[in-house]
Amino acid sequence: MIEKINLNTLIIAYILILSIISFIFMGIDKKRALNNKWRIKESTLLLLSFIGGSIGTFIGMKVFNHKIRNKKFYLVVPILCIIIISMLIIILTN
């Protein structure tokens, strides 16, 4: 029998997928920045963070050394990470 997937599992999968996408986008944007090519809009990167990919964005900032001097990123992304991580802790402890 196939077991029902509960809401908590879906939320965790959603955050994981968005974090992976956000991390990849940060890497792509950094590579394009170094090659003076068309860039991914900051609003797109921030939107991905806001809708659940902030962990991937934050890790991407550190790994790729990207957007670390941009106030929008170094102020907003860590706050969003704290919110997402807090939500994950609540989900996992219930």
N, C-alpha and C. Protein backbone atom coordinates (compact mmCIF):
# COMPACT_ATOMS: atom_id res chain seq x y z
N MET A 1 0.83 -1.20 0.00
CA MET A 1 0.00 0.00 0.00
C MET A 1 0.87 1.25 0.00
N ILE A 2 0.41 2.24 -0.70
CA ILE A 2 1.13 3.51 -0.73
C ILE A 2 0.65 4.35 0.45
N GLU A 3 1.60 4.77 1.24
CA GLU A 3 1.28 5.59 2.40
C GLU A 3 1.06 7.03 1.98
N LYS A 4 0.12 7.70 2.61
CA LYS A 4 -0.11 9.11 2.31
C LYS A 4 1.11 9.93 2.69
N ILE A 5 1.45 10.86 1.82
CA ILE A 5 2.53 11.78 2.15
C ILE A 5 1.93 12.90 2.99
N ASN A 6 2.50 13.12 4.17
CA ASN A 6 1.93 14.15 5.03
C ASN A 6 2.44 15.53 4.65
N LEU A 7 1.79 16.53 5.17
CA LEU A 7 2.10 17.92 4.84
C LEU A 7 3.53 18.28 5.24
N ASN A 8 4.00 17.79 6.37
CA ASN A 8 5.36 18.10 6.82
C ASN A 8 6.40 17.61 5.82
N THR A 9 6.21 16.42 5.28
CA THR A 9 7.13 15.88 4.29
C THR A 9 7.13 16.74 3.03
N LEU A 10 5.97 17.18 2.62
CA LEU A 10 5.87 18.05 1.44
C LEU A 10 6.57 19.39 1.67
N ILE A 11 6.42 19.97 2.85
CA ILE A 11 7.07 21.24 3.16
C ILE A 11 8.58 21.09 3.15
N ILE A 12 9.08 20.03 3.76
CA ILE A 12 10.52 19.78 3.79
C ILE A 12 11.06 19.57 2.37
N ALA A 13 10.34 18.80 1.56
CA ALA A 13 10.77 18.57 0.17
C ALA A 13 10.76 19.87 -0.62
N TYR A 14 9.75 20.69 -0.42
CA TYR A 14 9.63 21.99 -1.08
C TYR A 14 10.83 22.88 -0.75
N ILE A 15 11.16 22.97 0.53
CA ILE A 15 12.28 23.80 0.96
C ILE A 15 13.59 23.25 0.41
N LEU A 16 13.76 21.95 0.43
CA LEU A 16 14.97 21.33 -0.09
C LEU A 16 15.13 21.61 -1.59
N ILE A 17 14.07 21.43 -2.35
CA ILE A 17 14.14 21.66 -3.80
C ILE A 17 14.43 23.12 -4.11
N LEU A 18 13.73 24.03 -3.43
CA LEU A 18 13.98 25.46 -3.67
C LEU A 18 15.38 25.87 -3.24
N SER A 19 15.90 25.28 -2.19
CA SER A 19 17.26 25.59 -1.74
C SER A 19 18.29 25.12 -2.76
N ILE A 20 18.06 23.96 -3.35
CA ILE A 20 18.98 23.46 -4.38
C ILE A 20 18.93 24.37 -5.61
N ILE A 21 17.73 24.75 -6.02
CA ILE A 21 17.58 25.66 -7.16
C ILE A 21 18.25 26.99 -6.88
N SER A 22 18.05 27.54 -5.67
CA SER A 22 18.65 28.82 -5.30
C SER A 22 20.17 28.74 -5.31
N PHE A 23 20.71 27.65 -4.79
CA PHE A 23 22.16 27.45 -4.78
C PHE A 23 22.71 27.42 -6.20
N ILE A 24 22.04 26.68 -7.07
CA ILE A 24 22.47 26.58 -8.47
C ILE A 24 22.41 27.96 -9.15
N PHE A 25 21.33 28.69 -8.91
CA PHE A 25 21.20 30.03 -9.50
C PHE A 25 22.31 30.96 -9.02
N MET A 26 22.68 30.86 -7.75
CA MET A 26 23.78 31.70 -7.24
C MET A 26 25.08 31.35 -7.97
N GLY A 27 25.33 30.06 -8.19
CA GLY A 27 26.53 29.65 -8.91
C GLY A 27 26.53 30.12 -10.36
N ILE A 28 25.38 30.00 -11.01
CA ILE A 28 25.27 30.46 -12.40
C ILE A 28 25.50 31.97 -12.47
N ASP A 29 24.87 32.71 -11.56
CA ASP A 29 25.02 34.17 -11.57
C ASP A 29 26.46 34.59 -11.32
N LYS A 30 27.14 33.92 -10.42
CA LYS A 30 28.54 34.23 -10.14
C LYS A 30 29.40 33.98 -11.37
N LYS A 31 29.17 32.85 -12.03
CA LYS A 31 29.95 32.53 -13.23
C LYS A 31 29.70 33.56 -14.32
N ARG A 32 28.45 33.96 -14.49
CA ARG A 32 28.12 34.97 -15.49
C ARG A 32 28.73 36.32 -15.12
N ALA A 33 28.77 36.64 -13.85
CA ALA A 33 29.37 37.90 -13.41
C ALA A 33 30.85 37.94 -13.75
N LEU A 34 31.54 36.83 -13.54
CA LEU A 34 32.97 36.77 -13.84
C LEU A 34 33.25 36.86 -15.33
N ASN A 35 32.30 36.41 -16.16
CA ASN A 35 32.48 36.41 -17.61
C ASN A 35 31.80 37.59 -18.29
N ASN A 36 31.33 38.56 -17.51
CA ASN A 36 30.64 39.75 -18.04
C ASN A 36 29.52 39.38 -19.00
N LYS A 37 28.71 38.41 -18.60
CA LYS A 37 27.57 37.97 -19.40
C LYS A 37 26.28 38.39 -18.72
N TRP A 38 25.16 38.12 -19.41
CA TRP A 38 23.85 38.41 -18.89
C TRP A 38 23.67 37.76 -17.52
N ARG A 39 23.11 38.52 -16.58
CA ARG A 39 23.00 38.08 -15.19
C ARG A 39 21.57 37.76 -14.80
N ILE A 40 21.43 36.99 -13.76
CA ILE A 40 20.13 36.71 -13.16
C ILE A 40 19.76 37.93 -12.30
N LYS A 41 18.53 38.38 -12.42
CA LYS A 41 18.10 39.57 -11.67
C LYS A 41 18.19 39.32 -10.16
N GLU A 42 18.59 40.36 -9.44
CA GLU A 42 18.62 40.27 -7.97
C GLU A 42 17.24 39.94 -7.44
N SER A 43 16.22 40.52 -8.07
CA SER A 43 14.85 40.27 -7.60
C SER A 43 14.49 38.79 -7.72
N THR A 44 14.99 38.12 -8.74
CA THR A 44 14.73 36.69 -8.91
C THR A 44 15.42 35.89 -7.80
N LEU A 45 16.67 36.23 -7.52
CA LEU A 45 17.42 35.53 -6.47
C LEU A 45 16.76 35.76 -5.10
N LEU A 46 16.33 36.98 -4.85
CA LEU A 46 15.68 37.28 -3.57
C LEU A 46 14.30 36.61 -3.48
N LEU A 47 13.59 36.56 -4.60
CA LEU A 47 12.29 35.90 -4.60
C LEU A 47 12.44 34.41 -4.27
N LEU A 48 13.44 33.76 -4.86
CA LEU A 48 13.69 32.36 -4.55
C LEU A 48 13.98 32.18 -3.06
N SER A 49 14.72 33.11 -2.48
CA SER A 49 15.00 33.06 -1.04
C SER A 49 13.72 33.23 -0.24
N PHE A 50 12.93 34.19 -0.64
CA PHE A 50 11.71 34.53 0.10
C PHE A 50 10.69 33.41 0.08
N ILE A 51 10.60 32.69 -1.02
CA ILE A 51 9.58 31.64 -1.11
C ILE A 51 10.07 30.29 -0.58
N GLY A 52 11.27 30.26 0.02
CA GLY A 52 11.71 29.04 0.69
C GLY A 52 13.12 28.59 0.39
N GLY A 53 13.83 29.25 -0.52
CA GLY A 53 15.16 28.81 -0.89
C GLY A 53 16.30 29.54 -0.23
N SER A 54 16.02 30.19 0.89
CA SER A 54 17.04 31.03 1.54
C SER A 54 18.25 30.25 2.01
N ILE A 55 18.07 29.01 2.40
CA ILE A 55 19.21 28.21 2.86
C ILE A 55 20.18 27.99 1.69
N GLY A 56 19.66 27.67 0.53
CA GLY A 56 20.50 27.50 -0.65
C GLY A 56 21.16 28.79 -1.09
N THR A 57 20.42 29.89 -0.98
CA THR A 57 21.00 31.19 -1.32
C THR A 57 22.14 31.53 -0.38
N PHE A 58 21.92 31.30 0.91
CA PHE A 58 22.95 31.61 1.90
C PHE A 58 24.20 30.76 1.68
N ILE A 59 24.00 29.47 1.46
CA ILE A 59 25.15 28.59 1.20
C ILE A 59 25.85 29.03 -0.09
N GLY A 60 25.07 29.39 -1.11
CA GLY A 60 25.64 29.87 -2.36
C GLY A 60 26.44 31.15 -2.18
N MET A 61 25.95 32.03 -1.31
CA MET A 61 26.70 33.26 -1.02
C MET A 61 28.08 32.92 -0.46
N LYS A 62 28.13 31.95 0.42
CA LYS A 62 29.40 31.58 1.06
C LYS A 62 30.31 30.78 0.11
N VAL A 63 29.75 29.79 -0.56
CA VAL A 63 30.55 28.92 -1.43
C VAL A 63 31.11 29.69 -2.62
N PHE A 64 30.26 30.50 -3.25
CA PHE A 64 30.68 31.22 -4.45
C PHE A 64 31.21 32.62 -4.16
N ASN A 65 31.21 33.00 -2.89
CA ASN A 65 31.64 34.35 -2.50
C ASN A 65 30.90 35.38 -3.35
N HIS A 66 29.59 35.25 -3.37
CA HIS A 66 28.75 36.03 -4.28
C HIS A 66 27.69 36.79 -3.50
N LYS A 67 27.51 38.04 -3.83
CA LYS A 67 26.51 38.94 -3.22
C LYS A 67 26.76 39.18 -1.73
N ILE A 68 27.98 38.99 -1.28
CA ILE A 68 28.25 39.13 0.15
C ILE A 68 28.38 40.58 0.58
N ARG A 69 28.57 41.49 -0.35
CA ARG A 69 28.65 42.91 -0.01
C ARG A 69 27.36 43.67 -0.32
N ASN A 70 26.39 42.97 -0.86
CA ASN A 70 25.12 43.56 -1.23
C ASN A 70 24.21 43.57 0.00
N LYS A 71 23.83 44.76 0.45
CA LYS A 71 23.03 44.87 1.68
C LYS A 71 21.75 44.06 1.63
N LYS A 72 21.10 44.07 0.48
CA LYS A 72 19.84 43.31 0.37
C LYS A 72 20.07 41.84 0.71
N PHE A 73 21.20 41.32 0.32
CA PHE A 73 21.48 39.90 0.53
C PHE A 73 22.03 39.62 1.92
N TYR A 74 23.02 40.39 2.37
CA TYR A 74 23.62 40.03 3.65
C TYR A 74 22.76 40.41 4.84
N LEU A 75 21.69 41.18 4.61
CA LEU A 75 20.75 41.45 5.69
C LEU A 75 19.51 40.55 5.61
N VAL A 76 18.95 40.42 4.44
CA VAL A 76 17.67 39.72 4.28
C VAL A 76 17.82 38.20 4.30
N VAL A 77 18.79 37.67 3.58
CA VAL A 77 18.92 36.22 3.44
C VAL A 77 19.15 35.52 4.79
N PRO A 78 20.04 36.01 5.66
CA PRO A 78 20.18 35.33 6.96
C PRO A 78 18.90 35.35 7.80
N ILE A 79 18.14 36.43 7.72
CA ILE A 79 16.87 36.50 8.46
C ILE A 79 15.90 35.46 7.92
N LEU A 80 15.83 35.36 6.59
CA LEU A 80 14.96 34.35 5.99
C LEU A 80 15.42 32.94 6.36
N CYS A 81 16.73 32.73 6.43
CA CYS A 81 17.27 31.42 6.85
C CYS A 81 16.83 31.07 8.26
N ILE A 82 16.90 32.03 9.14
CA ILE A 82 16.49 31.79 10.53
C ILE A 82 15.01 31.41 10.58
N ILE A 83 14.19 32.08 9.79
CA ILE A 83 12.76 31.77 9.76
C ILE A 83 12.54 30.35 9.23
N ILE A 84 13.19 30.02 8.12
CA ILE A 84 13.03 28.69 7.52
C ILE A 84 13.54 27.59 8.45
N ILE A 85 14.72 27.80 9.04
CA ILE A 85 15.28 26.79 9.94
C ILE A 85 14.39 26.62 11.18
N SER A 86 13.86 27.72 11.70
CA SER A 86 12.94 27.64 12.84
C SER A 86 11.70 26.84 12.47
N MET A 87 11.19 27.09 11.27
CA MET A 87 10.02 26.35 10.81
C MET A 87 10.33 24.86 10.67
N LEU A 88 11.51 24.54 10.13
CA LEU A 88 11.90 23.14 10.00
C LEU A 88 12.05 22.46 11.36
N ILE A 89 12.61 23.17 12.33
CA ILE A 89 12.75 22.62 13.69
C ILE A 89 11.38 22.32 14.27
N ILE A 90 10.46 23.25 14.09
CA ILE A 90 9.09 23.05 14.61
C ILE A 90 8.45 21.83 13.95
N ILE A 91 8.62 21.71 12.64
CA ILE A 91 8.03 20.58 11.90
C ILE A 91 8.65 19.27 12.37
N LEU A 92 9.97 19.25 12.50
CA LEU A 92 10.66 18.00 12.85
C LEU A 92 10.46 17.58 14.30
N THR A 93 10.15 18.52 15.18
CA THR A 93 9.96 18.16 16.59
C THR A 93 8.51 17.84 16.93
N ASN A 94 7.61 18.02 15.99
CA ASN A 94 6.19 17.68 16.24
C ASN A 94 5.90 16.26 15.83
